């Protein structure tokens, strides 16, 4: 397979400092809204990159479930690989790959564990099948077969019952959430000739000054 000629020219628009909001959160809200309006598949999907203390990286797709001026929120099994790595090294990075809009948002920051009340509030809002799945799957751990997973789900379903049972499905002990508090947020817009626009907000004591990076 020859990939050397597989390329596309980016020409949807540009990005300059006057186009930016005063802070990265307002700017992110604007771009996320445009991604939703454009009908992108799962526009809140993001790559979460973590690393072990000795620098071995890993990444995976996770869904953003909230953001504000304090940071970007997601939920997961905290005994998973990402959870173990964040416990040992909370520095991480997020990436929103909005290819149809020829845009990316890159976030560097530190992950904080969310409090139990926030976790319980979100977990209780999930579809029942997803809550059961959180109990049945010990994320990132080896399983012998798909049948073993199905048996684990069936066991949990019998334990808690279906929707009509009215039985509560509590938060599993391993399950929780994180807020990524950003140090830097980069907005990337594709441009012709690979002369892309890269504008990055960097946190300092006075706010969020912006600088342009070479593409």
C-alpha atoms as a PDB file:
ATOM      1  CA  UNK A   1       0.000   0.000   0.000  1.00  0.00           C
ATOM      2  CA  UNK A   2       1.523   3.304  -1.134  1.00  0.00           C
ATOM      3  CA  UNK A   3       0.463   6.152   1.156  1.00  0.00           C
ATOM      4  CA  UNK A   4       2.942   8.714  -0.151  1.00  0.00           C
ATOM      5  CA  UNK A   5       0.387  10.390  -2.433  1.00  0.00           C
ATOM      6  CA  UNK A   6      -2.560  10.186  -0.040  1.00  0.00           C
ATOM      7  CA  UNK A   7      -3.162  13.797   0.937  1.00  0.00           C
ATOM      8  CA  UNK A   8      -5.756  16.553   0.899  1.00  0.00           C
ATOM      9  CA  UNK A   9      -5.406  20.307   0.538  1.00  0.00           C
ATOM     10  CA  UNK A  10      -6.848  22.298   3.435  1.00  0.00           C
ATOM     11  CA  UNK A  11      -8.773  25.364   2.349  1.00  0.00           C
ATOM     12  CA  UNK A  12     -11.844  25.802   4.554  1.00  0.00           C
ATOM     13  CA  UNK A  13     -10.617  28.932   6.307  1.00  0.00           C
ATOM     14  CA  UNK A  14      -8.019  30.550   8.505  1.00  0.00           C
ATOM     15  CA  UNK A  15      -7.483  31.580  12.114  1.00  0.00           C
ATOM     16  CA  UNK A  16      -5.846  34.742  13.418  1.00  0.00           C
ATOM     17  CA  UNK A  17      -5.496  36.313  16.850  1.00  0.00           C
ATOM     18  CA  UNK A  18      -8.462  38.718  16.357  1.00  0.00           C
ATOM     19  CA  UNK A  19     -10.652  35.648  15.733  1.00  0.00           C
ATOM     20  CA  UNK A  20      -9.971  34.269  19.200  1.00  0.00           C
ATOM     21  CA  UNK A  21     -12.098  34.638  22.321  1.00  0.00           C
ATOM     22  CA  UNK A  22     -10.552  36.144  25.448  1.00  0.00           C
ATOM     23  CA  UNK A  23      -9.997  32.719  27.009  1.00  0.00           C
ATOM     24  CA  UNK A  24      -9.600  29.155  25.682  1.00  0.00           C
ATOM     25  CA  UNK A  25     -12.803  27.854  27.288  1.00  0.00           C
ATOM     26  CA  UNK A  26     -15.017  30.338  25.455  1.00  0.00           C
ATOM     27  CA  UNK A  27     -13.121  29.608  22.240  1.00  0.00           C
ATOM     28  CA  UNK A  28     -13.488  25.857  22.755  1.00  0.00           C
ATOM     29  CA  UNK A  29     -17.222  26.236  23.328  1.00  0.00           C
ATOM     30  CA  UNK A  30     -17.495  28.132  20.034  1.00  0.00           C
ATOM     31  CA  UNK A  31     -15.576  25.497  18.057  1.00  0.00           C
ATOM     32  CA  UNK A  32     -17.362  22.585  19.725  1.00  0.00           C
ATOM     33  CA  UNK A  33     -20.686  24.205  18.879  1.00  0.00           C
ATOM     34  CA  UNK A  34     -19.617  24.475  15.251  1.00  0.00           C
ATOM     35  CA  UNK A  35     -18.537  20.813  15.233  1.00  0.00           C
ATOM     36  CA  UNK A  36     -21.956  19.800  16.600  1.00  0.00           C
ATOM     37  CA  UNK A  37     -23.781  22.022  14.106  1.00  0.00           C
ATOM     38  CA  UNK A  38     -21.762  20.484  11.268  1.00  0.00           C
ATOM     39  CA  UNK A  39     -23.064  17.038  12.231  1.00  0.00           C
ATOM     40  CA  UNK A  40     -19.682  15.517  13.057  1.00  0.00           C
ATOM     41  CA  UNK A  41     -19.851  11.985  14.439  1.00  0.00           C
ATOM     42  CA  UNK A  42     -19.289  12.159  18.217  1.00  0.00           C
ATOM     43  CA  UNK A  43     -17.834  15.684  18.238  1.00  0.00           C
ATOM     44  CA  UNK A  44     -17.021  15.292  21.936  1.00  0.00           C
ATOM     45  CA  UNK A  45     -14.707  12.335  21.240  1.00  0.00           C
ATOM     46  CA  UNK A  46     -11.119  13.084  22.236  1.00  0.00           C
ATOM     47  CA  UNK A  47      -7.807  11.292  22.390  1.00  0.00           C
ATOM     48  CA  UNK A  48      -6.495  11.071  25.959  1.00  0.00           C
ATOM     49  CA  UNK A  49      -2.733  10.583  26.107  1.00  0.00           C
ATOM     50  CA  UNK A  50      -1.089   9.473  29.347  1.00  0.00           C
ATOM     51  CA  UNK A  51       2.350   8.222  30.293  1.00  0.00           C
ATOM     52  CA  UNK A  52       4.006   6.120  32.951  1.00  0.00           C
ATOM     53  CA  UNK A  53       6.485   7.801  35.322  1.00  0.00           C
ATOM     54  CA  UNK A  54       9.336   6.499  33.136  1.00  0.00           C
ATOM     55  CA  UNK A  55       7.808   8.075  30.025  1.00  0.00           C
ATOM     56  CA  UNK A  56       6.089   5.146  28.281  1.00  0.00           C
ATOM     57  CA  UNK A  57       3.060   6.745  26.536  1.00  0.00           C
ATOM     58  CA  UNK A  58      -0.372   5.383  25.664  1.00  0.00           C
ATOM     59  CA  UNK A  59      -3.488   6.925  24.132  1.00  0.00           C
ATOM     60  CA  UNK A  60      -7.153   6.108  23.561  1.00  0.00           C
ATOM     61  CA  UNK A  61     -10.465   7.708  22.576  1.00  0.00           C
ATOM     62  CA  UNK A  62     -12.728   8.919  25.406  1.00  0.00           C
ATOM     63  CA  UNK A  63     -15.834  11.111  25.419  1.00  0.00           C
ATOM     64  CA  UNK A  64     -15.696  14.595  26.922  1.00  0.00           C
ATOM     65  CA  UNK A  65     -18.590  14.905  29.387  1.00  0.00           C
ATOM     66  CA  UNK A  66     -18.268  18.480  30.539  1.00  0.00           C
ATOM     67  CA  UNK A  67     -16.044  21.555  30.615  1.00  0.00           C
ATOM     68  CA  UNK A  68     -15.880  24.960  32.226  1.00  0.00           C
ATOM     69  CA  UNK A  69     -13.210  27.408  33.373  1.00  0.00           C
ATOM     70  CA  UNK A  70     -11.877  24.754  35.760  1.00  0.00           C
ATOM     71  CA  UNK A  71     -11.103  22.181  33.066  1.00  0.00           C
ATOM     72  CA  UNK A  72     -12.267  19.307  30.866  1.00  0.00           C
ATOM     73  CA  UNK A  73     -14.137  16.338  32.381  1.00  0.00           C
ATOM     74  CA  UNK A  74     -14.325  12.662  31.468  1.00  0.00           C
ATOM     75  CA  UNK A  75     -15.279   9.438  33.263  1.00  0.00           C
ATOM     76  CA  UNK A  76     -13.710   5.990  33.156  1.00  0.00           C
ATOM     77  CA  UNK A  77     -12.641   2.904  35.089  1.00  0.00           C
ATOM     78  CA  UNK A  78      -9.849   4.150  37.348  1.00  0.00           C
ATOM     79  CA  UNK A  79      -8.270   0.672  37.489  1.00  0.00           C
ATOM     80  CA  UNK A  80      -7.760   0.774  33.707  1.00  0.00           C
ATOM     81  CA  UNK A  81      -4.375   1.465  32.141  1.00  0.00           C
ATOM     82  CA  UNK A  82      -5.173   5.171  31.801  1.00  0.00           C
ATOM     83  CA  UNK A  83      -6.350   5.312  35.414  1.00  0.00           C
ATOM     84  CA  UNK A  84      -3.218   3.637  36.724  1.00  0.00           C
ATOM     85  CA  UNK A  85      -1.014   5.924  34.657  1.00  0.00           C
ATOM     86  CA  UNK A  86      -2.859   9.056  35.796  1.00  0.00           C
ATOM     87  CA  UNK A  87      -2.516   7.949  39.417  1.00  0.00           C
ATOM     88  CA  UNK A  88       1.253   7.686  38.996  1.00  0.00           C
ATOM     89  CA  UNK A  89       1.686  10.642  36.636  1.00  0.00           C
ATOM     90  CA  UNK A  90      -1.265  13.066  36.370  1.00  0.00           C
ATOM     91  CA  UNK A  91       0.216  15.043  33.473  1.00  0.00           C
ATOM     92  CA  UNK A  92      -1.721  14.259  30.299  1.00  0.00           C
ATOM     93  CA  UNK A  93      -2.839  15.603  26.931  1.00  0.00           C
ATOM     94  CA  UNK A  94      -6.159  15.764  25.084  1.00  0.00           C
ATOM     95  CA  UNK A  95      -6.766  15.999  21.337  1.00  0.00           C
ATOM     96  CA  UNK A  96     -10.019  16.746  19.498  1.00  0.00           C
ATOM     97  CA  UNK A  97      -9.570  15.656  15.835  1.00  0.00           C
ATOM     98  CA  UNK A  98     -12.289  17.477  13.911  1.00  0.00           C
ATOM     99  CA  UNK A  99     -11.078  16.379  10.461  1.00  0.00           C
ATOM    100  CA  UNK A 100     -14.140  17.435   8.388  1.00  0.00           C
ATOM    101  CA  UNK A 101     -13.642  21.006   9.621  1.00  0.00           C
ATOM    102  CA  UNK A 102      -9.867  20.779   9.103  1.00  0.00           C
ATOM    103  CA  UNK A 103      -9.435  21.602  12.792  1.00  0.00           C
ATOM    104  CA  UNK A 104      -7.774  20.231  15.896  1.00  0.00           C
ATOM    105  CA  UNK A 105      -7.764  21.330  19.514  1.00  0.00           C
ATOM    106  CA  UNK A 106      -4.825  20.201  21.630  1.00  0.00           C
ATOM    107  CA  UNK A 107      -4.806  20.502  25.437  1.00  0.00           C
ATOM    108  CA  UNK A 108      -1.887  19.940  27.822  1.00  0.00           C
ATOM    109  CA  UNK A 109      -2.634  19.760  31.532  1.00  0.00           C
ATOM    110  CA  UNK A 110      -2.912  17.885  34.794  1.00  0.00           C
ATOM    111  CA  UNK A 111      -5.709  15.470  35.711  1.00  0.00           C
ATOM    112  CA  UNK A 112      -7.522  15.801  39.038  1.00  0.00           C
ATOM    113  CA  UNK A 113      -9.814  13.103  40.444  1.00  0.00           C
ATOM    114  CA  UNK A 114     -13.441  14.219  40.639  1.00  0.00           C
ATOM    115  CA  UNK A 115     -15.353  14.084  43.911  1.00  0.00           C
ATOM    116  CA  UNK A 116     -17.826  11.259  44.567  1.00  0.00           C
ATOM    117  CA  UNK A 117     -20.905  13.468  44.245  1.00  0.00           C
ATOM    118  CA  UNK A 118     -19.963  14.522  40.697  1.00  0.00           C
ATOM    119  CA  UNK A 119     -19.214  10.908  39.754  1.00  0.00           C
ATOM    120  CA  UNK A 120     -22.484   9.597  41.201  1.00  0.00           C
ATOM    121  CA  UNK A 121     -24.508  12.316  39.476  1.00  0.00           C
ATOM    122  CA  UNK A 122     -23.078  11.444  36.079  1.00  0.00           C
ATOM    123  CA  UNK A 123     -23.175   7.667  36.572  1.00  0.00           C
ATOM    124  CA  UNK A 124     -26.849   7.762  37.489  1.00  0.00           C
ATOM    125  CA  UNK A 125     -27.588   9.638  34.237  1.00  0.00           C
ATOM    126  CA  UNK A 126     -26.092   6.894  32.040  1.00  0.00           C
ATOM    127  CA  UNK A 127     -28.309   4.331  30.294  1.00  0.00           C
ATOM    128  CA  UNK A 128     -28.878   1.274  32.506  1.00  0.00           C
ATOM    129  CA  UNK A 129     -27.063  -1.015  30.072  1.00  0.00           C
ATOM    130  CA  UNK A 130     -23.971   1.193  30.282  1.00  0.00           C
ATOM    131  CA  UNK A 131     -24.132   1.124  34.087  1.00  0.00           C
ATOM    132  CA  UNK A 132     -24.359  -2.665  34.041  1.00  0.00           C
ATOM    133  CA  UNK A 133     -21.462  -2.812  31.608  1.00  0.00           C
ATOM    134  CA  UNK A 134     -19.317  -0.771  33.979  1.00  0.00           C
ATOM    135  CA  UNK A 135     -19.804  -3.502  36.593  1.00  0.00           C
ATOM    136  CA  UNK A 136     -19.239  -6.369  34.146  1.00  0.00           C
ATOM    137  CA  UNK A 137     -16.030  -5.087  32.544  1.00  0.00           C
ATOM    138  CA  UNK A 138     -12.752  -4.734  34.428  1.00  0.00           C
ATOM    139  CA  UNK A 139     -11.300  -2.390  31.835  1.00  0.00           C
ATOM    140  CA  UNK A 140      -7.875  -3.170  30.356  1.00  0.00           C
ATOM    141  CA  UNK A 141      -7.697  -6.578  32.068  1.00  0.00           C
ATOM    142  CA  UNK A 142      -7.264  -9.722  29.898  1.00  0.00           C
ATOM    143  CA  UNK A 143     -10.363 -11.855  29.223  1.00  0.00           C
ATOM    144  CA  UNK A 144     -10.370 -15.350  27.770  1.00  0.00           C
ATOM    145  CA  UNK A 145     -13.167 -14.789  25.242  1.00  0.00           C
ATOM    146  CA  UNK A 146     -16.211 -12.791  24.215  1.00  0.00           C
ATOM    147  CA  UNK A 147     -18.283 -15.480  25.916  1.00  0.00           C
ATOM    148  CA  UNK A 148     -16.600 -14.666  29.216  1.00  0.00           C
ATOM    149  CA  UNK A 149     -17.594 -11.019  28.839  1.00  0.00           C
ATOM    150  CA  UNK A 150     -21.167 -12.013  27.986  1.00  0.00           C
ATOM    151  CA  UNK A 151     -21.328 -14.256  31.046  1.00  0.00           C
ATOM    152  CA  UNK A 152     -20.042 -11.435  33.270  1.00  0.00           C
ATOM    153  CA  UNK A 153     -22.712  -9.090  31.905  1.00  0.00           C
ATOM    154  CA  UNK A 154     -25.449 -11.699  32.379  1.00  0.00           C
ATOM    155  CA  UNK A 155     -24.343 -12.191  35.985  1.00  0.00           C
ATOM    156  CA  UNK A 156     -24.493  -8.457  36.669  1.00  0.00           C
ATOM    157  CA  UNK A 157     -27.867  -8.181  34.942  1.00  0.00           C
ATOM    158  CA  UNK A 158     -29.239 -10.938  37.163  1.00  0.00           C
ATOM    159  CA  UNK A 159     -27.788  -9.244  40.236  1.00  0.00           C
ATOM    160  CA  UNK A 160     -29.315  -5.805  39.584  1.00  0.00           C
ATOM    161  CA  UNK A 161     -32.273  -6.738  37.386  1.00  0.00           C
ATOM    162  CA  UNK A 162     -33.651  -4.978  34.343  1.00  0.00           C
ATOM    163  CA  UNK A 163     -35.188  -1.505  34.063  1.00  0.00           C
ATOM    164  CA  UNK A 164     -38.556  -2.720  35.350  1.00  0.00           C
ATOM    165  CA  UNK A 165     -37.002  -4.089  38.547  1.00  0.00           C
ATOM    166  CA  UNK A 166     -36.386  -0.580  39.822  1.00  0.00           C
ATOM    167  CA  UNK A 167     -33.222  -1.733  41.577  1.00  0.00           C
ATOM    168  CA  UNK A 168     -30.456   0.860  41.762  1.00  0.00           C
ATOM    169  CA  UNK A 169     -27.164   0.250  39.957  1.00  0.00           C
ATOM    170  CA  UNK A 170     -24.570   1.979  42.156  1.00  0.00           C
ATOM    171  CA  UNK A 171     -21.212   3.299  41.017  1.00  0.00           C
ATOM    172  CA  UNK A 172     -18.667   0.436  40.820  1.00  0.00           C
ATOM    173  CA  UNK A 173     -15.729   0.764  43.217  1.00  0.00           C
ATOM    174  CA  UNK A 174     -13.234   1.109  40.339  1.00  0.00           C
ATOM    175  CA  UNK A 175     -15.212   3.740  38.421  1.00  0.00           C
ATOM    176  CA  UNK A 176     -14.657   7.503  38.605  1.00  0.00           C
ATOM    177  CA  UNK A 177     -13.886  10.698  36.768  1.00  0.00           C
ATOM    178  CA  UNK A 178     -11.190  13.259  36.051  1.00  0.00           C
ATOM    179  CA  UNK A 179     -10.937  16.956  35.380  1.00  0.00           C
ATOM    180  CA  UNK A 180      -8.000  17.942  33.173  1.00  0.00           C
ATOM    181  CA  UNK A 181      -6.846  21.386  34.283  1.00  0.00           C
ATOM    182  CA  UNK A 182      -5.093  22.916  31.251  1.00  0.00           C
ATOM    183  CA  UNK A 183      -1.744  24.657  31.076  1.00  0.00           C
ATOM    184  CA  UNK A 184      -2.018  25.214  27.329  1.00  0.00           C
ATOM    185  CA  UNK A 185      -4.810  24.990  24.731  1.00  0.00           C
ATOM    186  CA  UNK A 186      -3.923  25.063  21.026  1.00  0.00           C
ATOM    187  CA  UNK A 187      -6.400  25.786  18.235  1.00  0.00           C
ATOM    188  CA  UNK A 188      -5.235  24.416  14.860  1.00  0.00           C
ATOM    189  CA  UNK A 189      -6.810  25.311  11.536  1.00  0.00           C
ATOM    190  CA  UNK A 190      -5.654  23.708   8.291  1.00  0.00           C
ATOM    191  CA  UNK A 191      -4.410  26.031   5.535  1.00  0.00           C
ATOM    192  CA  UNK A 192      -3.261  25.557   1.923  1.00  0.00           C
ATOM    193  CA  UNK A 193       0.312  24.473   1.318  1.00  0.00           C
ATOM    194  CA  UNK A 194       0.496  23.041   4.844  1.00  0.00           C
ATOM    195  CA  UNK A 195       0.914  26.603   6.188  1.00  0.00           C
ATOM    196  CA  UNK A 196      -1.542  25.847   8.981  1.00  0.00           C
ATOM    197  CA  UNK A 197      -2.658  28.317  11.645  1.00  0.00           C
ATOM    198  CA  UNK A 198      -1.637  27.289  15.174  1.00  0.00           C
ATOM    199  CA  UNK A 199      -2.647  29.634  17.983  1.00  0.00           C
ATOM    200  CA  UNK A 200      -2.015  28.538  21.561  1.00  0.00           C
ATOM    201  CA  UNK A 201      -3.236  29.980  24.846  1.00  0.00           C
ATOM    202  CA  UNK A 202      -0.753  29.476  27.709  1.00  0.00           C
ATOM    203  CA  UNK A 203      -1.804  29.990  31.321  1.00  0.00           C
ATOM    204  CA  UNK A 204       0.154  32.503  33.380  1.00  0.00           C
ATOM    205  CA  UNK A 205      -0.564  34.571  36.477  1.00  0.00           C
ATOM    206  CA  UNK A 206      -2.226  37.293  34.393  1.00  0.00           C
ATOM    207  CA  UNK A 207      -4.514  35.099  32.319  1.00  0.00           C
ATOM    208  CA  UNK A 208      -4.175  33.393  28.948  1.00  0.00           C
ATOM    209  CA  UNK A 209      -1.730  35.141  26.601  1.00  0.00           C
ATOM    210  CA  UNK A 210      -1.678  33.777  23.036  1.00  0.00           C
ATOM    211  CA  UNK A 211       1.207  32.973  20.714  1.00  0.00           C
ATOM    212  CA  UNK A 212       1.366  31.718  17.150  1.00  0.00           C
ATOM    213  CA  UNK A 213       3.379  28.589  16.382  1.00  0.00           C
ATOM    214  CA  UNK A 214       4.955  27.637  13.083  1.00  0.00           C
ATOM    215  CA  UNK A 215       3.002  24.847  11.343  1.00  0.00           C
END
